[in-house]
Amino acid sequence: MIWQSIAEWIDDRLDNSRNVCGFSPFNTGKDDPFHEACFDHDLGYLNKLLPRDEIDEAFYSAVKKIIRESPWYKKPYLTLWGYAYIAVVKMFGKIVWGDA
């Protein structure tokens, strides 16, 4: 009960109106294996919950974990897409964050 109240309090205060790789040309959907990582990353950017470098590093780690834990036959595809997401973050992160 108390955890639900805390979650509702957090939800009321966080801006999650535009997330899930909102800046990315890939625009993930719920079937995308990187959807949750993108959601967390965008939520961090929108609310500036941590320093940008920490948010980006958490995203990189999440993407690499998804690739590492995927079945062998999906690894080539996921590696390409995962590193494409990482490249977009590295290229445009400063602009989106506002310190470019």
PDB file of N, CA and C in Angstrom:
ATOM      1  N   MET A   1       0.826  -1.193   0.000  1.00  0.00           N
ATOM      2  CA  MET A   1       0.000   0.000   0.000  1.00  0.00           C
ATOM      3  C   MET A   1       0.867   1.253   0.000  1.00  0.00           C
ATOM      4  N   ILE A   2       1.852   1.292   0.878  1.00  0.00           N
ATOM      5  CA  ILE A   2       2.702   2.482   0.936  1.00  0.00           C
ATOM      6  C   ILE A   2       3.520   2.633  -0.348  1.00  0.00           C
ATOM      7  N   TRP A   3       3.952   1.505  -0.936  1.00  0.00           N
ATOM      8  CA  TRP A   3       4.732   1.590  -2.171  1.00  0.00           C
ATOM      9  C   TRP A   3       3.887   2.135  -3.314  1.00  0.00           C
ATOM     10  N   GLN A   4       2.629   1.775  -3.338  1.00  0.00           N
ATOM     11  CA  GLN A   4       1.736   2.306  -4.369  1.00  0.00           C
ATOM     12  C   GLN A   4       1.601   3.820  -4.199  1.00  0.00           C
ATOM     13  N   SER A   5       1.498   4.294  -2.991  1.00  0.00           N
ATOM     14  CA  SER A   5       1.399   5.733  -2.734  1.00  0.00           C
ATOM     15  C   SER A   5       2.663   6.454  -3.164  1.00  0.00           C
ATOM     16  N   ILE A   6       3.814   5.859  -2.887  1.00  0.00           N
ATOM     17  CA  ILE A   6       5.083   6.458  -3.303  1.00  0.00           C
ATOM     18  C   ILE A   6       5.171   6.497  -4.820  1.00  0.00           C
ATOM     19  N   ALA A   7       4.794   5.414  -5.478  1.00  0.00           N
ATOM     20  CA  ALA A   7       4.828   5.365  -6.937  1.00  0.00           C
ATOM     21  C   ALA A   7       3.904   6.414  -7.541  1.00  0.00           C
ATOM     22  N   GLU A   8       2.727   6.582  -6.967  1.00  0.00           N
ATOM     23  CA  GLU A   8       1.794   7.593  -7.461  1.00  0.00           C
ATOM     24  C   GLU A   8       2.353   8.993  -7.244  1.00  0.00           C
ATOM     25  N   TRP A   9       2.982   9.228  -6.099  1.00  0.00           N
ATOM     26  CA  TRP A   9       3.591  10.527  -5.818  1.00  0.00           C
ATOM     27  C   TRP A   9       4.689  10.841  -6.830  1.00  0.00           C
ATOM     28  N   ILE A  10       5.520   9.858  -7.120  1.00  0.00           N
ATOM     29  CA  ILE A  10       6.589  10.047  -8.113  1.00  0.00           C
ATOM     30  C   ILE A  10       5.988  10.307  -9.484  1.00  0.00           C
ATOM     31  N   ASP A  11       5.010   9.510  -9.884  1.00  0.00           N
ATOM     32  CA  ASP A  11       4.367   9.689 -11.191  1.00  0.00           C
ATOM     33  C   ASP A  11       3.783  11.087 -11.349  1.00  0.00           C
ATOM     34  N   ASP A  12       3.207  11.618 -10.288  1.00  0.00           N
ATOM     35  CA  ASP A  12       2.612  12.944 -10.350  1.00  0.00           C
ATOM     36  C   ASP A  12       3.653  14.037 -10.569  1.00  0.00           C
ATOM     37  N   ARG A  13       4.889  13.780 -10.197  1.00  0.00           N
ATOM     38  CA  ARG A  13       5.924  14.810 -10.255  1.00  0.00           C
ATOM     39  C   ARG A  13       6.880  14.671 -11.428  1.00  0.00           C
ATOM     40  N   LEU A  14       6.868  13.546 -12.096  1.00  0.00           N
ATOM     41  CA  LEU A  14       7.768  13.332 -13.223  1.00  0.00           C
ATOM     42  C   LEU A  14       7.083  13.642 -14.537  1.00  0.00           C
ATOM     43  N   ASP A  15       7.827  14.252 -15.409  1.00  0.00           N
ATOM     44  CA  ASP A  15       7.319  14.519 -16.759  1.00  0.00           C
ATOM     45  C   ASP A  15       7.639  13.298 -17.603  1.00  0.00           C
ATOM     46  N   ASN A  16       6.647  12.538 -17.967  1.00  0.00           N
ATOM     47  CA  ASN A  16       6.864  11.402 -18.864  1.00  0.00           C
ATOM     48  C   ASN A  16       5.988  11.530 -20.098  1.00  0.00           C
ATOM     49  N   SER A  17       5.735  12.792 -20.474  1.00  0.00           N
ATOM     50  CA  SER A  17       4.852  13.053 -21.604  1.00  0.00           C
ATOM     51  C   SER A  17       5.498  12.737 -22.946  1.00  0.00           C
ATOM     52  N   ARG A  18       6.813  12.773 -22.999  1.00  0.00           N
ATOM     53  CA  ARG A  18       7.485  12.496 -24.264  1.00  0.00           C
ATOM     54  C   ARG A  18       8.698  11.634 -23.939  1.00  0.00           C
ATOM     55  N   ASN A  19       8.533  10.361 -24.111  1.00  0.00           N
ATOM     56  CA  ASN A  19       9.659   9.488 -23.834  1.00  0.00           C
ATOM     57  C   ASN A  19       9.665   8.335 -24.822  1.00  0.00           C
ATOM     58  N   VAL A  20      10.491   7.368 -24.577  1.00  0.00           N
ATOM     59  CA  VAL A  20      10.696   6.204 -25.433  1.00  0.00           C
ATOM     60  C   VAL A  20      11.424   6.641 -26.710  1.00  0.00           C
ATOM     61  N   CYS A  21      12.635   7.055 -26.531  1.00  0.00           N
ATOM     62  CA  CYS A  21      13.497   7.509 -27.630  1.00  0.00           C
ATOM     63  C   CYS A  21      12.783   8.574 -28.451  1.00  0.00           C
ATOM     64  N   GLY A  22      12.233   9.545 -27.739  1.00  0.00           N
ATOM     65  CA  GLY A  22      11.489  10.607 -28.393  1.00  0.00           C
ATOM     66  C   GLY A  22      12.279  11.368 -29.438  1.00  0.00           C
ATOM     67  N   PHE A  23      13.584  11.485 -29.272  1.00  0.00           N
ATOM     68  CA  PHE A  23      14.404  12.229 -30.226  1.00  0.00           C
ATOM     69  C   PHE A  23      14.954  11.313 -31.304  1.00  0.00           C
ATOM     70  N   SER A  24      14.944  10.040 -31.042  1.00  0.00           N
ATOM     71  CA  SER A  24      15.535   9.076 -31.968  1.00  0.00           C
ATOM     72  C   SER A  24      14.698   8.907 -33.226  1.00  0.00           C
ATOM     73  N   PRO A  25      15.356   8.728 -34.356  1.00  0.00           N
ATOM     74  CA  PRO A  25      14.596   8.445 -35.575  1.00  0.00           C
ATOM     75  C   PRO A  25      13.984   7.046 -35.563  1.00  0.00           C
ATOM     76  N   PHE A  26      14.347   6.233 -34.596  1.00  0.00           N
ATOM     77  CA  PHE A  26      13.873   4.855 -34.538  1.00  0.00           C
ATOM     78  C   PHE A  26      12.518   4.740 -33.862  1.00  0.00           C
ATOM     79  N   ASN A  27      12.198   5.658 -32.932  1.00  0.00           N
ATOM     80  CA  ASN A  27      10.943   5.631 -32.178  1.00  0.00           C
ATOM     81  C   ASN A  27      10.504   4.220 -31.811  1.00  0.00           C
ATOM     82  N   THR A  28      10.962   3.760 -30.694  1.00  0.00           N
ATOM     83  CA  THR A  28      10.686   2.393 -30.264  1.00  0.00           C
ATOM     84  C   THR A  28       9.224   2.201 -29.924  1.00  0.00           C
ATOM     85  N   GLY A  29       8.767   0.983 -30.115  1.00  0.00           N
ATOM     86  CA  GLY A  29       7.427   0.590 -29.698  1.00  0.00           C
ATOM     87  C   GLY A  29       7.564  -0.450 -28.605  1.00  0.00           C
ATOM     88  N   LYS A  30       6.468  -0.868 -28.064  1.00  0.00           N
ATOM     89  CA  LYS A  30       6.526  -1.818 -26.955  1.00  0.00           C
ATOM     90  C   LYS A  30       7.117  -3.171 -27.342  1.00  0.00           C
ATOM     91  N   ASP A  31       7.136  -3.495 -28.625  1.00  0.00           N
ATOM     92  CA  ASP A  31       7.730  -4.758 -29.066  1.00  0.00           C
ATOM     93  C   ASP A  31       9.242  -4.659 -29.255  1.00  0.00           C
ATOM     94  N   ASP A  32       9.772  -3.458 -29.223  1.00  0.00           N
ATOM     95  CA  ASP A  32      11.212  -3.250 -29.386  1.00  0.00           C
ATOM     96  C   ASP A  32      11.922  -3.731 -28.126  1.00  0.00           C
ATOM     97  N   PRO A  33      12.962  -4.552 -28.251  1.00  0.00           N
ATOM     98  CA  PRO A  33      13.652  -5.047 -27.059  1.00  0.00           C
ATOM     99  C   PRO A  33      14.333  -3.933 -26.252  1.00  0.00           C
ATOM    100  N   PHE A  34      14.559  -2.779 -26.862  1.00  0.00           N
ATOM    101  CA  PHE A  34      15.200  -1.660 -26.171  1.00  0.00           C
ATOM    102  C   PHE A  34      14.199  -0.659 -25.619  1.00  0.00           C
ATOM    103  N   HIS A  35      12.925  -0.973 -25.700  1.00  0.00           N
ATOM    104  CA  HIS A  35      11.864  -0.060 -25.280  1.00  0.00           C
ATOM    105  C   HIS A  35      12.051   0.419 -23.836  1.00  0.00           C
ATOM    106  N   GLU A  36      12.256  -0.490 -22.924  1.00  0.00           N
ATOM    107  CA  GLU A  36      12.377  -0.109 -21.514  1.00  0.00           C
ATOM    108  C   GLU A  36      13.626   0.731 -21.265  1.00  0.00           C
ATOM    109  N   ALA A  37      14.732   0.374 -21.905  1.00  0.00           N
ATOM    110  CA  ALA A  37      15.962   1.151 -21.752  1.00  0.00           C
ATOM    111  C   ALA A  37      15.762   2.571 -22.276  1.00  0.00           C
ATOM    112  N   CYS A  38      15.093   2.696 -23.408  1.00  0.00           N
ATOM    113  CA  CYS A  38      14.811   4.020 -23.984  1.00  0.00           C
ATOM    114  C   CYS A  38      13.869   4.814 -23.090  1.00  0.00           C
ATOM    115  N   PHE A  39      12.857   4.155 -22.553  1.00  0.00           N
ATOM    116  CA  PHE A  39      11.914   4.813 -21.663  1.00  0.00           C
ATOM    117  C   PHE A  39      12.641   5.392 -20.454  1.00  0.00           C
ATOM    118  N   ASP A  40      13.473   4.573 -19.816  1.00  0.00           N
ATOM    119  CA  ASP A  40      14.215   5.027 -18.638  1.00  0.00           C
ATOM    120  C   ASP A  40      15.156   6.177 -18.998  1.00  0.00           C
ATOM    121  N   HIS A  41      15.827   6.070 -20.141  1.00  0.00           N
ATOM    122  CA  HIS A  41      16.773   7.101 -20.568  1.00  0.00           C
ATOM    123  C   HIS A  41      16.039   8.427 -20.808  1.00  0.00           C
ATOM    124  N   ASP A  42      14.943   8.374 -21.529  1.00  0.00           N
ATOM    125  CA  ASP A  42      14.212   9.611 -21.809  1.00  0.00           C
ATOM    126  C   ASP A  42      13.611  10.204 -20.538  1.00  0.00           C
ATOM    127  N   LEU A  43      13.134   9.354 -19.648  1.00  0.00           N
ATOM    128  CA  LEU A  43      12.603   9.836 -18.382  1.00  0.00           C
ATOM    129  C   LEU A  43      13.688  10.566 -17.597  1.00  0.00           C
ATOM    130  N   GLY A  44      14.901  10.007 -17.592  1.00  0.00           N
ATOM    131  CA  GLY A  44      16.025  10.659 -16.927  1.00  0.00           C
ATOM    132  C   GLY A  44      16.363  11.997 -17.549  1.00  0.00           C
ATOM    133  N   TYR A  45      16.342  12.074 -18.869  1.00  0.00           N
ATOM    134  CA  TYR A  45      16.633  13.336 -19.561  1.00  0.00           C
ATOM    135  C   TYR A  45      15.557  14.378 -19.295  1.00  0.00           C
ATOM    136  N   LEU A  46      14.304  13.972 -19.388  1.00  0.00           N
ATOM    137  CA  LEU A  46      13.215  14.927 -19.219  1.00  0.00           C
ATOM    138  C   LEU A  46      13.169  15.515 -17.816  1.00  0.00           C
ATOM    139  N   ASN A  47      13.520  14.716 -16.836  1.00  0.00           N
ATOM    140  CA  ASN A  47      13.415  15.150 -15.446  1.00  0.00           C
ATOM    141  C   ASN A  47      14.759  15.471 -14.814  1.00  0.00           C
ATOM    142  N   LYS A  48      15.841  15.262 -15.576  1.00  0.00           N
ATOM    143  CA  LYS A  48      17.204  15.544 -15.091  1.00  0.00           C
ATOM    144  C   LYS A  48      17.409  14.964 -13.690  1.00  0.00           C
ATOM    145  N   LEU A  49      17.090  13.659 -13.583  1.00  0.00           N
ATOM    146  CA  LEU A  49      17.152  12.984 -12.293  1.00  0.00           C
ATOM    147  C   LEU A  49      18.580  12.775 -11.801  1.00  0.00           C
ATOM    148  N   LEU A  50      19.510  12.635 -12.729  1.00  0.00           N
ATOM    149  CA  LEU A  50      20.927  12.422 -12.445  1.00  0.00           C
ATOM    150  C   LEU A  50      21.714  13.249 -13.441  1.00  0.00           C
ATOM    151  N   PRO A  51      23.033  13.363 -13.240  1.00  0.00           N
ATOM    152  CA  PRO A  51      23.840  14.008 -14.274  1.00  0.00           C
ATOM    153  C   PRO A  51      23.713  13.247 -15.604  1.00  0.00           C
ATOM    154  N   ARG A  52      23.800  13.980 -16.710  1.00  0.00           N
ATOM    155  CA  ARG A  52      23.610  13.388 -18.038  1.00  0.00           C
ATOM    156  C   ARG A  52      24.534  12.196 -18.273  1.00  0.00           C
ATOM    157  N   ASP A  53      25.787  12.308 -17.874  1.00  0.00           N
ATOM    158  CA  ASP A  53      26.736  11.212 -18.093  1.00  0.00           C
ATOM    159  C   ASP A  53      26.293   9.927 -17.400  1.00  0.00           C
ATOM    160  N   GLU A  54      25.727  10.047 -16.214  1.00  0.00           N
ATOM    161  CA  GLU A  54      25.262   8.861 -15.487  1.00  0.00           C
ATOM    162  C   GLU A  54      24.044   8.243 -16.168  1.00  0.00           C
ATOM    163  N   ILE A  55      23.137   9.094 -16.651  1.00  0.00           N
ATOM    164  CA  ILE A  55      21.954   8.588 -17.354  1.00  0.00           C
ATOM    165  C   ILE A  55      22.375   7.872 -18.628  1.00  0.00           C
ATOM    166  N   ASP A  56      23.304   8.482 -19.376  1.00  0.00           N
ATOM    167  CA  ASP A  56      23.789   7.855 -20.608  1.00  0.00           C
ATOM    168  C   ASP A  56      24.491   6.539 -20.319  1.00  0.00           C
ATOM    169  N   GLU A  57      25.316   6.502 -19.288  1.00  0.00           N
ATOM    170  CA  GLU A  57      26.038   5.269 -18.955  1.00  0.00           C
ATOM    171  C   GLU A  57      25.072   4.157 -18.554  1.00  0.00           C
ATOM    172  N   ALA A  58      24.015   4.504 -17.822  1.00  0.00           N
ATOM    173  CA  ALA A  58      23.001   3.510 -17.454  1.00  0.00           C
ATOM    174  C   ALA A  58      22.308   2.978 -18.710  1.00  0.00           C
ATOM    175  N   PHE A  59      22.054   3.866 -19.677  1.00  0.00           N
ATOM    176  CA  PHE A  59      21.440   3.448 -20.939  1.00  0.00           C
ATOM    177  C   PHE A  59      22.368   2.505 -21.701  1.00  0.00           C
ATOM    178  N   TYR A  60      23.652   2.881 -21.814  1.00  0.00           N
ATOM    179  CA  TYR A  60      24.612   2.021 -22.513  1.00  0.00           C
ATOM    180  C   TYR A  60      24.660   0.641 -21.866  1.00  0.00           C
ATOM    181  N   SER A  61      24.699   0.619 -20.541  1.00  0.00           N
ATOM    182  CA  SER A  61      24.759  -0.663 -19.814  1.00  0.00           C
ATOM    183  C   SER A  61      23.508  -1.491 -20.059  1.00  0.00           C
ATOM    184  N   ALA A  62      22.344  -0.845 -20.056  1.00  0.00           N
ATOM    185  CA  ALA A  62      21.083  -1.569 -20.279  1.00  0.00           C
ATOM    186  C   ALA A  62      21.045  -2.156 -21.687  1.00  0.00           C
ATOM    187  N   VAL A  63      21.457  -1.380 -22.688  1.00  0.00           N
ATOM    188  CA  VAL A  63      21.469  -1.865 -24.074  1.00  0.00           C
ATOM    189  C   VAL A  63      22.425  -3.047 -24.209  1.00  0.00           C
ATOM    190  N   LYS A  64      23.609  -2.929 -23.649  1.00  0.00           N
ATOM    191  CA  LYS A  64      24.599  -4.014 -23.737  1.00  0.00           C
ATOM    192  C   LYS A  64      24.109  -5.271 -23.018  1.00  0.00           C
ATOM    193  N   LYS A  65      23.405  -5.098 -21.904  1.00  0.00           N
ATOM    194  CA  LYS A  65      22.861  -6.251 -21.176  1.00  0.00           C
ATOM    195  C   LYS A  65      21.797  -6.958 -22.012  1.00  0.00           C
ATOM    196  N   ILE A  66      20.929  -6.180 -22.671  1.00  0.00           N
ATOM    197  CA  ILE A  66      19.890  -6.768 -23.521  1.00  0.00           C
ATOM    198  C   ILE A  66      20.540  -7.589 -24.630  1.00  0.00           C
ATOM    199  N   ILE A  67      21.568  -7.046 -25.239  1.00  0.00           N
ATOM    200  CA  ILE A  67      22.281  -7.761 -26.309  1.00  0.00           C
ATOM    201  C   ILE A  67      22.925  -9.026 -25.755  1.00  0.00           C
ATOM    202  N   ARG A  68      23.619  -8.886 -24.631  1.00  0.00           N
ATOM    203  CA  ARG A  68      24.342 -10.016 -24.028  1.00  0.00           C
ATOM    204  C   ARG A  68      23.398 -11.153 -23.645  1.00  0.00           C
ATOM    205  N   GLU A  69      22.204 -10.831 -23.176  1.00  0.00           N
ATOM    206  CA  GLU A  69      21.275 -11.847 -22.693  1.00  0.00           C
ATOM    207  C   GLU A  69      20.324 -12.359 -23.779  1.00  0.00           C
ATOM    208  N   SER A  70      20.461 -11.860 -24.979  1.00  0.00           N
ATOM    209  CA  SER A  70      19.569 -12.291 -26.059  1.00  0.00           C
ATOM    210  C   SER A  70      20.008 -13.640 -26.627  1.00  0.00           C
ATOM    211  N   PRO A  71      19.110 -14.357 -27.291  1.00  0.00           N
ATOM    212  CA  PRO A  71      19.490 -15.612 -27.938  1.00  0.00           C
ATOM    213  C   PRO A  71      20.537 -15.350 -29.016  1.00  0.00           C
ATOM    214  N   TRP A  72      21.376 -16.321 -29.262  1.00  0.00           N
ATOM    215  CA  TRP A  72      22.493 -16.157 -30.197  1.00  0.00           C
ATOM    216  C   TRP A  72      22.038 -15.693 -31.581  1.00  0.00           C
ATOM    217  N   TYR A  73      20.882 -16.163 -32.030  1.00  0.00           N
ATOM    218  CA  TYR A  73      20.431 -15.836 -33.382  1.00  0.00           C
ATOM    219  C   TYR A  73      19.901 -14.404 -33.500  1.00  0.00           C
ATOM    220  N   LYS A  74      19.647 -13.745 -32.366  1.00  0.00           N
ATOM    221  CA  LYS A  74      19.207 -12.350 -32.390  1.00  0.00           C
ATOM    222  C   LYS A  74      20.350 -11.366 -32.158  1.00  0.00           C
ATOM    223  N   LYS A  75      21.494 -11.863 -31.700  1.00  0.00           N
ATOM    224  CA  LYS A  75      22.598 -10.977 -31.345  1.00  0.00           C
ATOM    225  C   LYS A  75      23.074 -10.076 -32.481  1.00  0.00           C
ATOM    226  N   PRO A  76      23.239 -10.569 -33.717  1.00  0.00           N
ATOM    227  CA  PRO A  76      23.710  -9.658 -34.781  1.00  0.00           C
ATOM    228  C   PRO A  76      22.753  -8.484 -35.005  1.00  0.00           C
ATOM    229  N   TYR A  77      21.471  -8.770 -35.103  1.00  0.00           N
ATOM    230  CA  TYR A  77      20.467  -7.724 -35.313  1.00  0.00           C
ATOM    231  C   TYR A  77      20.433  -6.755 -34.130  1.00  0.00           C
ATOM    232  N   LEU A  78      20.382  -7.294 -32.922  1.00  0.00           N
ATOM    233  CA  LEU A  78      20.302  -6.449 -31.739  1.00  0.00           C
ATOM    234  C   LEU A  78      21.570  -5.628 -31.534  1.00  0.00           C
ATOM    235  N   THR A  79      22.707  -6.191 -31.891  1.00  0.00           N
ATOM    236  CA  THR A  79      23.957  -5.445 -31.780  1.00  0.00           C
ATOM    237  C   THR A  79      23.934  -4.233 -32.704  1.00  0.00           C
ATOM    238  N   LEU A  80      23.487  -4.425 -33.936  1.00  0.00           N
ATOM    239  CA  LEU A  80      23.402  -3.293 -34.873  1.00  0.00           C
ATOM    240  C   LEU A  80      22.465  -2.211 -34.366  1.00  0.00           C
ATOM    241  N   TRP A  81      21.260  -2.608 -33.972  1.00  0.00           N
ATOM    242  CA  TRP A  81      20.293  -1.621 -33.507  1.00  0.00           C
ATOM    243  C   TRP A  81      20.703  -1.004 -32.175  1.00  0.00           C
ATOM    244  N   GLY A  82      21.216  -1.807 -31.274  1.00  0.00           N
ATOM    245  CA  GLY A  82      21.631  -1.296 -29.965  1.00  0.00           C
ATOM    246  C   GLY A  82      22.715  -0.246 -30.083  1.00  0.00           C
ATOM    247  N   TYR A  83      23.715  -0.533 -30.903  1.00  0.00           N
ATOM    248  CA  TYR A  83      24.792   0.438 -31.065  1.00  0.00           C
ATOM    249  C   TYR A  83      24.351   1.640 -31.897  1.00  0.00           C
ATOM    250  N   ALA A  84      23.327   1.483 -32.714  1.00  0.00           N
ATOM    251  CA  ALA A  84      22.753   2.640 -33.412  1.00  0.00           C
ATOM    252  C   ALA A  84      22.082   3.570 -32.396  1.00  0.00           C
ATOM    253  N   TYR A  85      21.346   3.002 -31.437  1.00  0.00           N
ATOM    254  CA  TYR A  85      20.750   3.814 -30.382  1.00  0.00           C
ATOM    255  C   TYR A  85      21.835   4.545 -29.589  1.00  0.00           C
ATOM    256  N   ILE A  86      22.880   3.822 -29.237  1.00  0.00           N
ATOM    257  CA  ILE A  86      23.978   4.426 -28.476  1.00  0.00           C
ATOM    258  C   ILE A  86      24.620   5.557 -29.275  1.00  0.00           C
ATOM    259  N   ALA A  87      24.803   5.363 -30.571  1.00  0.00           N
ATOM    260  CA  ALA A  87      25.407   6.403 -31.414  1.00  0.00           C
ATOM    261  C   ALA A  87      24.534   7.657 -31.435  1.00  0.00           C
ATOM    262  N   VAL A  88      23.222   7.479 -31.511  1.00  0.00           N
ATOM    263  CA  VAL A  88      22.315   8.635 -31.504  1.00  0.00           C
ATOM    264  C   VAL A  88      22.436   9.394 -30.190  1.00  0.00           C
ATOM    265  N   VAL A  89      22.497   8.672 -29.083  1.00  0.00           N
ATOM    266  CA  VAL A  89      22.647   9.318 -27.774  1.00  0.00           C
ATOM    267  C   VAL A  89      23.963  10.088 -27.718  1.00  0.00           C
ATOM    268  N   LYS A  90      25.031   9.492 -28.199  1.00  0.00           N
ATOM    269  CA  LYS A  90      26.335  10.161 -28.167  1.00  0.00           C
ATOM    270  C   LYS A  90      26.357  11.385 -29.075  1.00  0.00           C
ATOM    271  N   MET A  91      25.688  11.313 -30.223  1.00  0.00           N
ATOM    272  CA  MET A  91      25.698  12.437 -31.163  1.00  0.00           C
ATOM    273  C   MET A  91      24.804  13.584 -30.705  1.00  0.00           C
ATOM    274  N   PHE A  92      23.634  13.272 -30.165  1.00  0.00           N
ATOM    275  CA  PHE A  92      22.641  14.305 -29.902  1.00  0.00           C
ATOM    276  C   PHE A  92      22.317  14.538 -28.431  1.00  0.00           C
ATOM    277  N   GLY A  93      22.908  13.765 -27.550  1.00  0.00           N
ATOM    278  CA  GLY A  93      22.587  13.891 -26.124  1.00  0.00           C
ATOM    279  C   GLY A  93      22.795  15.284 -25.566  1.00  0.00           C
ATOM    280  N   LYS A  94      23.911  15.913 -25.923  1.00  0.00           N
ATOM    281  CA  LYS A  94      24.188  17.257 -25.403  1.00  0.00           C
ATOM    282  C   LYS A  94      23.148  18.269 -25.902  1.00  0.00           C
ATOM    283  N   ILE A  95      22.710  18.110 -27.132  1.00  0.00           N
ATOM    284  CA  ILE A  95      21.727  19.031 -27.689  1.00  0.00           C
ATOM    285  C   ILE A  95      20.400  18.892 -26.959  1.00  0.00           C
ATOM    286  N   VAL A  96      19.959  17.653 -26.779  1.00  0.00           N
ATOM    287  CA  VAL A  96      18.680  17.408 -26.113  1.00  0.00           C
ATOM    288  C   VAL A  96      18.752  17.851 -24.659  1.00  0.00           C
ATOM    289  N   TRP A  97      19.887  17.589 -24.002  1.00  0.00           N
ATOM    290  CA  TRP A  97      20.061  17.953 -22.599  1.00  0.00           C
ATOM    291  C   TRP A  97      20.103  19.471 -22.420  1.00  0.00           C
ATOM    292  N   GLY A  98      20.627  20.156 -23.445  1.00  0.00           N
ATOM    293  CA  GLY A  98      20.686  21.608 -23.393  1.00  0.00           C
ATOM    294  C   GLY A  98      22.053  22.169 -23.043  1.00  0.00           C
ATOM    295  N   ASP A  99      23.103  21.337 -23.118  1.00  0.00           N
ATOM    296  CA  ASP A  99      24.453  21.860 -22.800  1.00  0.00           C
ATOM    297  C   ASP A  99      25.379  21.806 -24.010  1.00  0.00           C
ATOM    298  N   ALA A 100      24.806  21.930 -25.202  1.00  0.00           N
ATOM    299  CA  ALA A 100      25.628  21.928 -26.412  1.00  0.00           C
ATOM    300  C   ALA A 100      26.019  23.340 -26.797  1.00  0.00           C
TER     301      ALA A 100
END
